[in-house]
Amino acid sequence: MLSIMTLPEVPHALPDADLVARIRRGDAAALRLVVERYQQRIFALIYGIIRDRHEVEDVAQEVFLKVYSRIDAFDGRSQFYTWLYRVAANAAKDHLKKRSRRPAVAFEEEESLPDRGRGPHEAAETAELRRRVRAEIAALPVRHREILTLRELDGLAYTRIAEILGISLGTVESRIHRARERLKRRLSSHAD
């Protein structure tokens, strides 16, 4: 079993290529640094696809174990981060397929921080709008949730999204457009 917590230190400034080389040599401490470096973004990506906060950590752990055990599959033609994103997106989609026969998990509402500078009525309206948008995104098909997560939440450029998903730039543009349109329709159809 891989124990990341009891490993010697690896310099934090190492570039990804050096970390990959160390992981290939079986250096689990290098994996720990990869986890520290990319954990938040991978968690956000996985959550954007599976929309279940309780399962995100398990899927993320699976992703980083795959990185460690399958590092030789990384051929260096793309950036390491792009490959890692692809591994995470595929793991999240595989997780959705596995649970597809189980009953749907209720959308879990995030706790909101108080909205300073607004009155209680405006803060409640803003919180309700955020909840509705999250719920409508969660109801979108996986490929629309995935593309919106990469673009809107992670702020990735279209070219980077194309590289991560292994699709053309035109496909990225059309999927983002369709996902946004579908989200707009869902939100307007449920408007009070």
N, C-alpha and C. Protein backbone atom coordinates (compact mmCIF):
# COMPACT_ATOMS: atom_id res chain seq x y z
N MET A 1 0.85 -1.19 0.00
CA MET A 1 0.00 0.00 0.00
C MET A 1 0.88 1.24 0.00
N LEU A 2 0.52 2.21 -0.75
CA LEU A 2 1.26 3.45 -0.88
C LEU A 2 0.95 4.35 0.30
N SER A 3 1.96 4.77 1.02
CA SER A 3 1.77 5.69 2.13
C SER A 3 2.44 7.00 1.78
N ILE A 4 1.66 8.00 1.48
CA ILE A 4 2.19 9.29 1.05
C ILE A 4 2.68 10.12 2.23
N MET A 5 2.14 9.89 3.41
CA MET A 5 2.43 10.76 4.54
C MET A 5 3.81 10.53 5.17
N THR A 6 4.43 9.39 5.00
CA THR A 6 5.68 9.09 5.69
C THR A 6 6.89 9.10 4.76
N LEU A 7 6.84 9.88 3.72
CA LEU A 7 7.89 9.87 2.72
C LEU A 7 8.84 11.04 2.91
N PRO A 8 10.08 10.92 2.43
CA PRO A 8 11.03 12.03 2.52
C PRO A 8 10.57 13.20 1.67
N GLU A 9 11.10 14.37 1.97
CA GLU A 9 10.72 15.58 1.26
C GLU A 9 11.26 15.59 -0.17
N VAL A 10 10.49 16.16 -1.05
CA VAL A 10 10.89 16.40 -2.43
C VAL A 10 10.80 17.90 -2.62
N PRO A 11 11.81 18.53 -3.24
CA PRO A 11 11.74 19.99 -3.43
C PRO A 11 10.47 20.40 -4.16
N HIS A 12 9.74 21.36 -3.61
CA HIS A 12 8.46 21.80 -4.18
C HIS A 12 8.61 22.48 -5.53
N ALA A 13 9.77 23.02 -5.83
CA ALA A 13 9.95 23.78 -7.06
C ALA A 13 10.25 22.89 -8.27
N LEU A 14 10.30 21.59 -8.09
CA LEU A 14 10.60 20.70 -9.21
C LEU A 14 9.54 20.84 -10.30
N PRO A 15 9.98 20.93 -11.55
CA PRO A 15 9.00 20.96 -12.64
C PRO A 15 8.31 19.60 -12.78
N ASP A 16 7.17 19.60 -13.43
CA ASP A 16 6.41 18.37 -13.60
C ASP A 16 7.22 17.27 -14.26
N ALA A 17 8.03 17.62 -15.27
CA ALA A 17 8.82 16.60 -15.97
C ALA A 17 9.75 15.85 -15.01
N ASP A 18 10.34 16.57 -14.05
CA ASP A 18 11.21 15.92 -13.06
C ASP A 18 10.40 15.03 -12.12
N LEU A 19 9.21 15.50 -11.76
CA LEU A 19 8.35 14.69 -10.89
C LEU A 19 7.94 13.40 -11.60
N VAL A 20 7.61 13.50 -12.88
CA VAL A 20 7.23 12.33 -13.65
C VAL A 20 8.39 11.33 -13.68
N ALA A 21 9.59 11.83 -13.93
CA ALA A 21 10.76 10.95 -13.96
C ALA A 21 10.95 10.26 -12.61
N ARG A 22 10.75 10.99 -11.52
CA ARG A 22 10.91 10.40 -10.19
C ARG A 22 9.81 9.37 -9.91
N ILE A 23 8.59 9.67 -10.32
CA ILE A 23 7.50 8.71 -10.13
C ILE A 23 7.78 7.44 -10.92
N ARG A 24 8.31 7.58 -12.12
CA ARG A 24 8.67 6.41 -12.94
C ARG A 24 9.70 5.53 -12.24
N ARG A 25 10.54 6.15 -11.42
CA ARG A 25 11.55 5.38 -10.66
C ARG A 25 10.96 4.84 -9.35
N GLY A 26 9.66 5.05 -9.13
CA GLY A 26 9.02 4.53 -7.93
C GLY A 26 9.06 5.46 -6.73
N ASP A 27 9.37 6.73 -6.95
CA ASP A 27 9.48 7.70 -5.87
C ASP A 27 8.08 8.20 -5.47
N ALA A 28 7.56 7.63 -4.41
CA ALA A 28 6.22 8.00 -3.95
C ALA A 28 6.19 9.41 -3.37
N ALA A 29 7.33 9.92 -2.92
CA ALA A 29 7.38 11.30 -2.41
C ALA A 29 7.09 12.29 -3.54
N ALA A 30 7.52 11.97 -4.75
CA ALA A 30 7.21 12.82 -5.90
C ALA A 30 5.70 12.82 -6.16
N LEU A 31 5.06 11.68 -5.97
CA LEU A 31 3.61 11.62 -6.12
C LEU A 31 2.93 12.51 -5.09
N ARG A 32 3.45 12.51 -3.87
CA ARG A 32 2.88 13.37 -2.83
C ARG A 32 2.88 14.82 -3.28
N LEU A 33 3.98 15.25 -3.92
CA LEU A 33 4.05 16.63 -4.40
C LEU A 33 3.06 16.88 -5.53
N VAL A 34 2.89 15.90 -6.40
CA VAL A 34 1.89 16.03 -7.47
C VAL A 34 0.50 16.18 -6.85
N VAL A 35 0.22 15.39 -5.84
CA VAL A 35 -1.08 15.48 -5.15
C VAL A 35 -1.25 16.88 -4.56
N GLU A 36 -0.24 17.36 -3.86
CA GLU A 36 -0.32 18.70 -3.26
C GLU A 36 -0.51 19.78 -4.31
N ARG A 37 0.17 19.64 -5.42
CA ARG A 37 0.16 20.66 -6.48
C ARG A 37 -1.19 20.71 -7.20
N TYR A 38 -1.81 19.55 -7.44
CA TYR A 38 -2.99 19.50 -8.31
C TYR A 38 -4.28 19.05 -7.63
N GLN A 39 -4.23 18.73 -6.38
CA GLN A 39 -5.39 18.17 -5.67
C GLN A 39 -6.63 19.04 -5.79
N GLN A 40 -6.52 20.33 -5.54
CA GLN A 40 -7.71 21.19 -5.55
C GLN A 40 -8.36 21.22 -6.93
N ARG A 41 -7.55 21.34 -7.98
CA ARG A 41 -8.11 21.40 -9.33
C ARG A 41 -8.74 20.07 -9.73
N ILE A 42 -8.12 18.98 -9.33
CA ILE A 42 -8.66 17.66 -9.66
C ILE A 42 -9.97 17.43 -8.91
N PHE A 43 -10.02 17.83 -7.62
CA PHE A 43 -11.26 17.72 -6.85
C PHE A 43 -12.37 18.51 -7.54
N ALA A 44 -12.06 19.75 -7.97
CA ALA A 44 -13.08 20.59 -8.61
C ALA A 44 -13.56 19.96 -9.91
N LEU A 45 -12.65 19.42 -10.69
CA LEU A 45 -13.04 18.77 -11.94
C LEU A 45 -13.95 17.57 -11.68
N ILE A 46 -13.55 16.72 -10.76
CA ILE A 46 -14.34 15.53 -10.44
C ILE A 46 -15.72 15.93 -9.91
N TYR A 47 -15.75 16.91 -9.01
CA TYR A 47 -17.04 17.35 -8.47
C TYR A 47 -17.92 17.91 -9.59
N GLY A 48 -17.32 18.63 -10.51
CA GLY A 48 -18.08 19.18 -11.63
C GLY A 48 -18.73 18.11 -12.49
N ILE A 49 -18.16 16.93 -12.50
CA ILE A 49 -18.71 15.84 -13.32
C ILE A 49 -19.67 14.96 -12.52
N ILE A 50 -19.27 14.54 -11.32
CA ILE A 50 -20.11 13.58 -10.60
C ILE A 50 -21.10 14.24 -9.65
N ARG A 51 -20.84 15.47 -9.26
CA ARG A 51 -21.76 16.27 -8.43
C ARG A 51 -22.14 15.61 -7.11
N ASP A 52 -21.26 14.84 -6.56
CA ASP A 52 -21.52 14.24 -5.25
C ASP A 52 -20.26 14.40 -4.40
N ARG A 53 -20.33 15.33 -3.49
CA ARG A 53 -19.18 15.69 -2.68
C ARG A 53 -18.64 14.50 -1.88
N HIS A 54 -19.49 13.58 -1.49
CA HIS A 54 -19.05 12.44 -0.68
C HIS A 54 -18.20 11.45 -1.49
N GLU A 55 -18.36 11.45 -2.79
CA GLU A 55 -17.64 10.50 -3.62
C GLU A 55 -16.39 11.10 -4.28
N VAL A 56 -16.24 12.41 -4.22
CA VAL A 56 -15.13 13.09 -4.88
C VAL A 56 -13.78 12.60 -4.34
N GLU A 57 -13.65 12.51 -3.05
CA GLU A 57 -12.37 12.12 -2.47
C GLU A 57 -11.97 10.71 -2.90
N ASP A 58 -12.92 9.79 -2.93
CA ASP A 58 -12.61 8.42 -3.36
C ASP A 58 -12.15 8.38 -4.81
N VAL A 59 -12.84 9.12 -5.66
CA VAL A 59 -12.47 9.14 -7.08
C VAL A 59 -11.11 9.82 -7.25
N ALA A 60 -10.86 10.89 -6.51
CA ALA A 60 -9.57 11.58 -6.60
C ALA A 60 -8.43 10.67 -6.14
N GLN A 61 -8.66 9.93 -5.08
CA GLN A 61 -7.63 8.99 -4.61
C GLN A 61 -7.35 7.95 -5.69
N GLU A 62 -8.40 7.48 -6.32
CA GLU A 62 -8.24 6.52 -7.42
C GLU A 62 -7.42 7.13 -8.56
N VAL A 63 -7.67 8.41 -8.85
CA VAL A 63 -6.94 9.10 -9.91
C VAL A 63 -5.45 9.13 -9.60
N PHE A 64 -5.10 9.54 -8.39
CA PHE A 64 -3.68 9.66 -8.06
C PHE A 64 -2.99 8.29 -7.96
N LEU A 65 -3.73 7.28 -7.56
CA LEU A 65 -3.15 5.94 -7.59
C LEU A 65 -2.92 5.46 -9.03
N LYS A 66 -3.85 5.83 -9.93
CA LYS A 66 -3.66 5.50 -11.35
C LYS A 66 -2.44 6.23 -11.90
N VAL A 67 -2.26 7.48 -11.50
CA VAL A 67 -1.09 8.23 -11.94
C VAL A 67 0.17 7.49 -11.52
N TYR A 68 0.20 7.04 -10.29
CA TYR A 68 1.39 6.36 -9.77
C TYR A 68 1.62 5.02 -10.48
N SER A 69 0.56 4.26 -10.66
CA SER A 69 0.72 2.92 -11.22
C SER A 69 0.81 2.91 -12.75
N ARG A 70 0.30 3.96 -13.38
CA ARG A 70 0.27 3.98 -14.85
C ARG A 70 1.06 5.14 -15.44
N ILE A 71 2.05 5.61 -14.72
CA ILE A 71 2.82 6.76 -15.19
C ILE A 71 3.48 6.50 -16.53
N ASP A 72 3.76 5.25 -16.84
CA ASP A 72 4.38 4.94 -18.13
C ASP A 72 3.44 5.20 -19.31
N ALA A 73 2.16 5.33 -19.04
CA ALA A 73 1.21 5.66 -20.10
C ALA A 73 1.34 7.13 -20.52
N PHE A 74 1.96 7.95 -19.67
CA PHE A 74 2.19 9.35 -20.03
C PHE A 74 3.39 9.40 -20.98
N ASP A 75 3.12 9.79 -22.23
CA ASP A 75 4.18 9.76 -23.24
C ASP A 75 4.88 11.09 -23.46
N GLY A 76 4.43 12.13 -22.78
CA GLY A 76 5.11 13.42 -22.87
C GLY A 76 4.72 14.26 -24.07
N ARG A 77 3.80 13.78 -24.91
CA ARG A 77 3.38 14.58 -26.07
C ARG A 77 2.54 15.79 -25.64
N SER A 78 1.89 15.69 -24.51
CA SER A 78 1.13 16.81 -23.96
C SER A 78 1.76 17.18 -22.62
N GLN A 79 1.28 18.24 -22.03
CA GLN A 79 1.76 18.60 -20.70
C GLN A 79 1.24 17.57 -19.70
N PHE A 80 1.99 17.38 -18.63
CA PHE A 80 1.58 16.41 -17.59
C PHE A 80 0.21 16.77 -17.04
N TYR A 81 -0.01 18.05 -16.81
CA TYR A 81 -1.28 18.51 -16.25
C TYR A 81 -2.46 18.12 -17.16
N THR A 82 -2.25 18.21 -18.45
CA THR A 82 -3.29 17.82 -19.41
C THR A 82 -3.60 16.34 -19.29
N TRP A 83 -2.56 15.53 -19.21
CA TRP A 83 -2.74 14.08 -19.05
C TRP A 83 -3.45 13.77 -17.74
N LEU A 84 -3.04 14.42 -16.67
CA LEU A 84 -3.67 14.23 -15.36
C LEU A 84 -5.15 14.57 -15.42
N TYR A 85 -5.49 15.68 -16.07
CA TYR A 85 -6.89 16.06 -16.22
C TYR A 85 -7.67 14.99 -16.98
N ARG A 86 -7.07 14.45 -18.03
CA ARG A 86 -7.74 13.42 -18.81
C ARG A 86 -7.99 12.17 -17.95
N VAL A 87 -6.99 11.78 -17.17
CA VAL A 87 -7.14 10.63 -16.27
C VAL A 87 -8.30 10.90 -15.29
N ALA A 88 -8.33 12.11 -14.73
CA ALA A 88 -9.37 12.46 -13.75
C ALA A 88 -10.76 12.50 -14.39
N ALA A 89 -10.86 13.10 -15.56
CA ALA A 89 -12.16 13.17 -16.24
C ALA A 89 -12.66 11.78 -16.59
N ASN A 90 -11.78 10.94 -17.08
CA ASN A 90 -12.18 9.56 -17.42
C ASN A 90 -12.58 8.78 -16.17
N ALA A 91 -11.85 8.97 -15.07
CA ALA A 91 -12.20 8.27 -13.83
C ALA A 91 -13.57 8.73 -13.33
N ALA A 92 -13.84 10.01 -13.43
CA ALA A 92 -15.14 10.53 -12.99
C ALA A 92 -16.27 9.98 -13.86
N LYS A 93 -16.05 9.93 -15.17
CA LYS A 93 -17.08 9.39 -16.07
C LYS A 93 -17.28 7.89 -15.82
N ASP A 94 -16.18 7.17 -15.59
CA ASP A 94 -16.30 5.75 -15.26
C ASP A 94 -17.08 5.55 -13.97
N HIS A 95 -16.84 6.41 -13.01
CA HIS A 95 -17.56 6.33 -11.74
C HIS A 95 -19.07 6.54 -11.98
N LEU A 96 -19.41 7.49 -12.84
CA LEU A 96 -20.83 7.72 -13.15
C LEU A 96 -21.46 6.49 -13.79
N LYS A 97 -20.72 5.85 -14.69
CA LYS A 97 -21.25 4.64 -15.34
C LYS A 97 -21.50 3.54 -14.32
N LYS A 98 -20.56 3.39 -13.38
CA LYS A 98 -20.70 2.35 -12.36
C LYS A 98 -21.92 2.58 -11.47
N ARG A 99 -22.18 3.83 -11.18
CA ARG A 99 -23.31 4.11 -10.27
C ARG A 99 -24.62 4.34 -11.01
N SER A 100 -24.61 4.22 -12.33
CA SER A 100 -25.81 4.54 -13.10
C SER A 100 -27.00 3.66 -12.75
N ARG A 101 -26.76 2.48 -12.24
CA ARG A 101 -27.88 1.61 -11.88
C ARG A 101 -28.37 1.87 -10.46
N ARG A 102 -27.62 2.67 -9.73
CA ARG A 102 -28.07 3.01 -8.37
C ARG A 102 -29.03 4.18 -8.46
N PRO A 103 -29.85 4.39 -7.43
CA PRO A 103 -30.75 5.54 -7.44
C PRO A 103 -29.93 6.83 -7.48
N ALA A 104 -30.49 7.83 -8.11
CA ALA A 104 -29.81 9.12 -8.22
C ALA A 104 -29.57 9.71 -6.83
N VAL A 105 -28.41 10.31 -6.67
CA VAL A 105 -28.07 10.96 -5.41
C VAL A 105 -28.66 12.36 -5.44
N ALA A 106 -29.30 12.74 -4.36
CA ALA A 106 -29.88 14.08 -4.29
C ALA A 106 -28.78 15.12 -4.38
N PHE A 107 -29.04 16.19 -5.08
CA PHE A 107 -28.07 17.27 -5.18
C PHE A 107 -27.86 17.88 -3.81
N GLU A 108 -26.62 17.96 -3.42
CA GLU A 108 -26.28 18.49 -2.11
C GLU A 108 -25.95 19.95 -2.23
N GLU A 109 -26.60 20.76 -1.44
CA GLU A 109 -26.38 22.19 -1.50
C GLU A 109 -25.14 22.56 -0.72
N GLU A 110 -24.30 23.39 -1.33
CA GLU A 110 -23.11 23.88 -0.65
C GLU A 110 -23.50 24.88 0.42
N GLU A 111 -22.70 24.89 1.48
CA GLU A 111 -22.92 25.92 2.49
C GLU A 111 -22.41 27.23 1.92
N SER A 112 -23.16 28.28 2.12
CA SER A 112 -22.78 29.58 1.59
C SER A 112 -22.23 30.44 2.70
N LEU A 113 -21.23 31.23 2.33
CA LEU A 113 -20.73 32.21 3.28
C LEU A 113 -21.71 33.37 3.30
N PRO A 114 -21.77 34.07 4.41
CA PRO A 114 -22.68 35.22 4.45
C PRO A 114 -22.32 36.20 3.33
N ASP A 115 -23.31 36.78 2.74
CA ASP A 115 -23.11 37.72 1.65
C ASP A 115 -23.04 39.12 2.25
N ARG A 116 -21.82 39.59 2.49
CA ARG A 116 -21.63 40.89 3.14
C ARG A 116 -22.00 42.01 2.19
N GLY A 117 -22.52 43.07 2.75
CA GLY A 117 -22.86 44.24 1.95
C GLY A 117 -24.26 44.18 1.37
N ARG A 118 -24.97 43.12 1.62
CA ARG A 118 -26.34 43.01 1.13
C ARG A 118 -27.25 42.72 2.31
N GLY A 119 -28.47 43.10 2.12
CA GLY A 119 -29.44 42.81 3.16
C GLY A 119 -29.82 41.34 3.13
N PRO A 120 -30.54 40.88 4.16
CA PRO A 120 -30.90 39.47 4.23
C PRO A 120 -31.74 39.01 3.04
N HIS A 121 -32.61 39.87 2.54
CA HIS A 121 -33.46 39.48 1.41
C HIS A 121 -32.62 39.27 0.15
N GLU A 122 -31.72 40.22 -0.15
CA GLU A 122 -30.87 40.10 -1.33
C GLU A 122 -29.92 38.91 -1.21
N ALA A 123 -29.38 38.69 -0.01
CA ALA A 123 -28.47 37.56 0.22
C ALA A 123 -29.21 36.24 0.00
N ALA A 124 -30.45 36.16 0.47
CA ALA A 124 -31.25 34.95 0.29
C ALA A 124 -31.55 34.70 -1.18
N GLU A 125 -31.85 35.77 -1.93
CA GLU A 125 -32.11 35.63 -3.36
C GLU A 125 -30.86 35.16 -4.10
N THR A 126 -29.71 35.72 -3.75
CA THR A 126 -28.46 35.32 -4.38
C THR A 126 -28.15 33.86 -4.07
N ALA A 127 -28.33 33.46 -2.83
CA ALA A 127 -28.08 32.07 -2.43
C ALA A 127 -29.02 31.13 -3.18
N GLU A 128 -30.27 31.53 -3.34
CA GLU A 128 -31.24 30.70 -4.06
C GLU A 128 -30.86 30.59 -5.53
N LEU A 129 -30.42 31.68 -6.13
CA LEU A 129 -30.00 31.64 -7.52
C LEU A 129 -28.79 30.72 -7.69
N ARG A 130 -27.81 30.81 -6.79
CA ARG A 130 -26.64 29.93 -6.85
C ARG A 130 -27.06 28.47 -6.72
N ARG A 131 -27.98 28.20 -5.82
CA ARG A 131 -28.46 26.84 -5.62
C ARG A 131 -29.13 26.32 -6.89
N ARG A 132 -29.97 27.16 -7.50
CA ARG A 132 -30.66 26.77 -8.72
C ARG A 132 -29.69 26.51 -9.87
N VAL A 133 -28.69 27.38 -10.01
CA VAL A 133 -27.70 27.20 -11.09
C VAL A 133 -26.94 25.90 -10.87
N ARG A 134 -26.49 25.64 -9.64
CA ARG A 134 -25.77 24.39 -9.35
C ARG A 134 -26.65 23.18 -9.62
N ALA A 135 -27.92 23.27 -9.23
CA ALA A 135 -28.84 22.15 -9.45
C ALA A 135 -29.06 21.92 -10.95
N GLU A 136 -29.19 22.99 -11.72
CA GLU A 136 -29.41 22.85 -13.16
C GLU A 136 -28.16 22.33 -13.86
N ILE A 137 -26.98 22.76 -13.42
CA ILE A 137 -25.75 22.22 -13.99
C ILE A 137 -25.66 20.73 -13.68
N ALA A 138 -26.02 20.35 -12.46
CA ALA A 138 -25.97 18.94 -12.06
C ALA A 138 -26.91 18.09 -12.90
N ALA A 139 -27.97 18.69 -13.42
CA ALA A 139 -28.95 17.94 -14.21
C ALA A 139 -28.56 17.82 -15.70
N LEU A 140 -27.51 18.54 -16.10
CA LEU A 140 -27.07 18.47 -17.49
C LEU A 140 -26.40 17.13 -17.78
N PRO A 141 -26.36 16.72 -19.04
CA PRO A 141 -25.62 15.50 -19.39
C PRO A 141 -24.13 15.66 -19.03
N VAL A 142 -23.46 14.55 -18.83
CA VAL A 142 -22.07 14.56 -18.37
C VAL A 142 -21.17 15.41 -19.25
N ARG A 143 -21.28 15.28 -20.57
CA ARG A 143 -20.35 16.04 -21.41
C ARG A 143 -20.58 17.54 -21.31
N HIS A 144 -21.81 17.97 -21.02
CA HIS A 144 -22.05 19.40 -20.82
C HIS A 144 -21.54 19.85 -19.45
N ARG A 145 -21.75 19.03 -18.42
CA ARG A 145 -21.19 19.37 -17.09
C ARG A 145 -19.67 19.45 -17.16
N GLU A 146 -19.08 18.49 -17.84
CA GLU A 146 -17.62 18.43 -17.93
C GLU A 146 -17.08 19.68 -18.62
N ILE A 147 -17.65 20.04 -19.75
CA ILE A 147 -17.13 21.17 -20.52
C ILE A 147 -17.35 22.48 -19.77
N LEU A 148 -18.49 22.62 -19.09
CA LEU A 148 -18.72 23.83 -18.30
C LEU A 148 -17.78 23.91 -17.11
N THR A 149 -17.49 22.78 -16.50
CA THR A 149 -16.54 22.76 -15.38
C THR A 149 -15.16 23.22 -15.85
N LEU A 150 -14.70 22.67 -16.95
CA LEU A 150 -13.37 23.03 -17.46
C LEU A 150 -13.29 24.51 -17.85
N ARG A 151 -14.34 25.02 -18.49
CA ARG A 151 -14.32 26.40 -18.97
C ARG A 151 -14.68 27.41 -17.89
N GLU A 152 -15.82 27.21 -17.26
CA GLU A 152 -16.35 28.23 -16.36
C GLU A 152 -15.77 28.14 -14.95
N LEU A 153 -15.56 26.94 -14.44
CA LEU A 153 -15.04 26.82 -13.07
C LEU A 153 -13.52 26.82 -13.04
N ASP A 154 -12.89 26.09 -13.97
CA ASP A 154 -11.43 26.02 -13.99
C ASP A 154 -10.82 27.14 -14.83
N GLY A 155 -11.63 27.80 -15.67
CA GLY A 155 -11.15 28.92 -16.46
C GLY A 155 -10.16 28.54 -17.54
N LEU A 156 -10.22 27.31 -18.03
CA LEU A 156 -9.27 26.88 -19.05
C LEU A 156 -9.62 27.45 -20.42
N ALA A 157 -8.58 27.68 -21.21
CA ALA A 157 -8.74 28.15 -22.58
C ALA A 157 -9.32 27.04 -23.44
N TYR A 158 -9.99 27.42 -24.51
CA TYR A 158 -10.59 26.44 -25.41
C TYR A 158 -9.56 25.45 -25.93
N THR A 159 -8.37 25.94 -26.29
CA THR A 159 -7.34 25.05 -26.83
C THR A 159 -6.90 24.03 -25.78
N ARG A 160 -6.83 24.45 -24.54
CA ARG A 160 -6.44 23.53 -23.46
C ARG A 160 -7.52 22.48 -23.24
N ILE A 161 -8.78 22.90 -23.29
CA ILE A 161 -9.89 21.96 -23.14
C ILE A 161 -9.87 20.93 -24.26
N ALA A 162 -9.59 21.39 -25.49
CA ALA A 162 -9.52 20.47 -26.63
C ALA A 162 -8.43 19.43 -26.39
N GLU A 163 -7.31 19.87 -25.88
CA GLU A 163 -6.20 18.96 -25.61
C GLU A 163 -6.56 17.97 -24.51
N ILE A 164 -7.17 18.45 -23.44
CA ILE A 164 -7.53 17.60 -22.31
C ILE A 164 -8.55 16.53 -22.73
N LEU A 165 -9.55 16.94 -23.47
CA LEU A 165 -10.62 16.02 -23.85
C LEU A 165 -10.32 15.24 -25.12
N GLY A 166 -9.27 15.61 -25.81
CA GLY A 166 -8.91 14.91 -27.04
C GLY A 166 -9.92 15.14 -28.15
N ILE A 167 -10.43 16.37 -28.23
CA ILE A 167 -11.41 16.73 -29.26
C ILE A 167 -10.92 17.98 -29.99
N SER A 168 -11.54 18.29 -31.11
CA SER A 168 -11.11 19.45 -31.89
C SER A 168 -11.58 20.75 -31.22
N LEU A 169 -10.93 21.84 -31.59
CA LEU A 169 -11.30 23.15 -31.07
C LEU A 169 -12.74 23.49 -31.44
N GLY A 170 -13.13 23.16 -32.66
CA GLY A 170 -14.51 23.41 -33.09
C GLY A 170 -15.53 22.65 -32.24
N THR A 171 -15.18 21.42 -31.87
CA THR A 171 -16.08 20.63 -31.02
C THR A 171 -16.19 21.26 -29.64
N VAL A 172 -15.06 21.76 -29.11
CA VAL A 172 -15.09 22.45 -27.82
C VAL A 172 -16.03 23.64 -27.90
N GLU A 173 -15.86 24.46 -28.93
CA GLU A 173 -16.69 25.66 -29.08
C GLU A 173 -18.16 25.30 -29.17
N SER A 174 -18.49 24.29 -29.97
CA SER A 174 -19.91 23.93 -30.11
C SER A 174 -20.47 23.32 -28.83
N ARG A 175 -19.68 22.49 -28.15
CA ARG A 175 -20.18 21.91 -26.89
C ARG A 175 -20.40 22.97 -25.83
N ILE A 176 -19.48 23.93 -25.74
CA ILE A 176 -19.66 25.00 -24.76
C ILE A 176 -20.90 25.80 -25.09
N HIS A 177 -21.06 26.12 -26.37
CA HIS A 177 -22.25 26.87 -26.79
C HIS A 177 -23.53 26.10 -26.45
N ARG A 178 -23.56 24.81 -26.82
CA ARG A 178 -24.75 23.99 -26.54
C ARG A 178 -25.00 23.84 -25.04
N ALA A 179 -23.92 23.67 -24.27
CA ALA A 179 -24.08 23.51 -22.81
C ALA A 179 -24.64 24.79 -22.20
N ARG A 180 -24.11 25.93 -22.63
CA ARG A 180 -24.62 27.22 -22.11
C ARG A 180 -26.07 27.43 -22.50
N GLU A 181 -26.40 27.12 -23.76
CA GLU A 181 -27.78 27.28 -24.21
C GLU A 181 -28.72 26.36 -23.44
N ARG A 182 -28.28 25.14 -23.26
CA ARG A 182 -29.12 24.19 -22.52
C ARG A 182 -29.32 24.65 -21.08
N LEU A 183 -28.26 25.15 -20.46
CA LEU A 183 -28.37 25.66 -19.09
C LEU A 183 -29.31 26.86 -19.04
N LYS A 184 -29.19 27.77 -20.01
CA LYS A 184 -30.08 28.94 -20.06
C LYS A 184 -31.54 28.50 -20.18
N ARG A 185 -31.79 27.55 -21.09
CA ARG A 185 -33.17 27.06 -21.26
C ARG A 185 -33.71 26.45 -19.98
N ARG A 186 -32.88 25.66 -19.32
CA ARG A 186 -33.30 25.00 -18.07
C ARG A 186 -33.62 26.06 -17.01
N LEU A 187 -32.76 27.06 -16.91
CA LEU A 187 -32.98 28.10 -15.91
C LEU A 187 -34.23 28.93 -16.23
N SER A 188 -34.43 29.26 -17.50
CA SER A 188 -35.60 30.07 -17.86
C SER A 188 -36.90 29.28 -17.76
N SER A 189 -36.84 27.98 -18.00
CA SER A 189 -38.06 27.17 -17.91
C SER A 189 -38.49 26.96 -16.46
N HIS A 190 -37.56 27.10 -15.54
CA HIS A 190 -37.88 26.94 -14.13
C HIS A 190 -38.00 28.27 -13.40
N ALA A 191 -38.01 29.36 -14.17
CA ALA A 191 -38.13 30.69 -13.55
C ALA A 191 -39.52 30.86 -12.98
N ASP A 192 -39.56 31.59 -11.89
CA ASP A 192 -40.86 31.82 -11.22
C ASP A 192 -41.74 32.76 -11.97
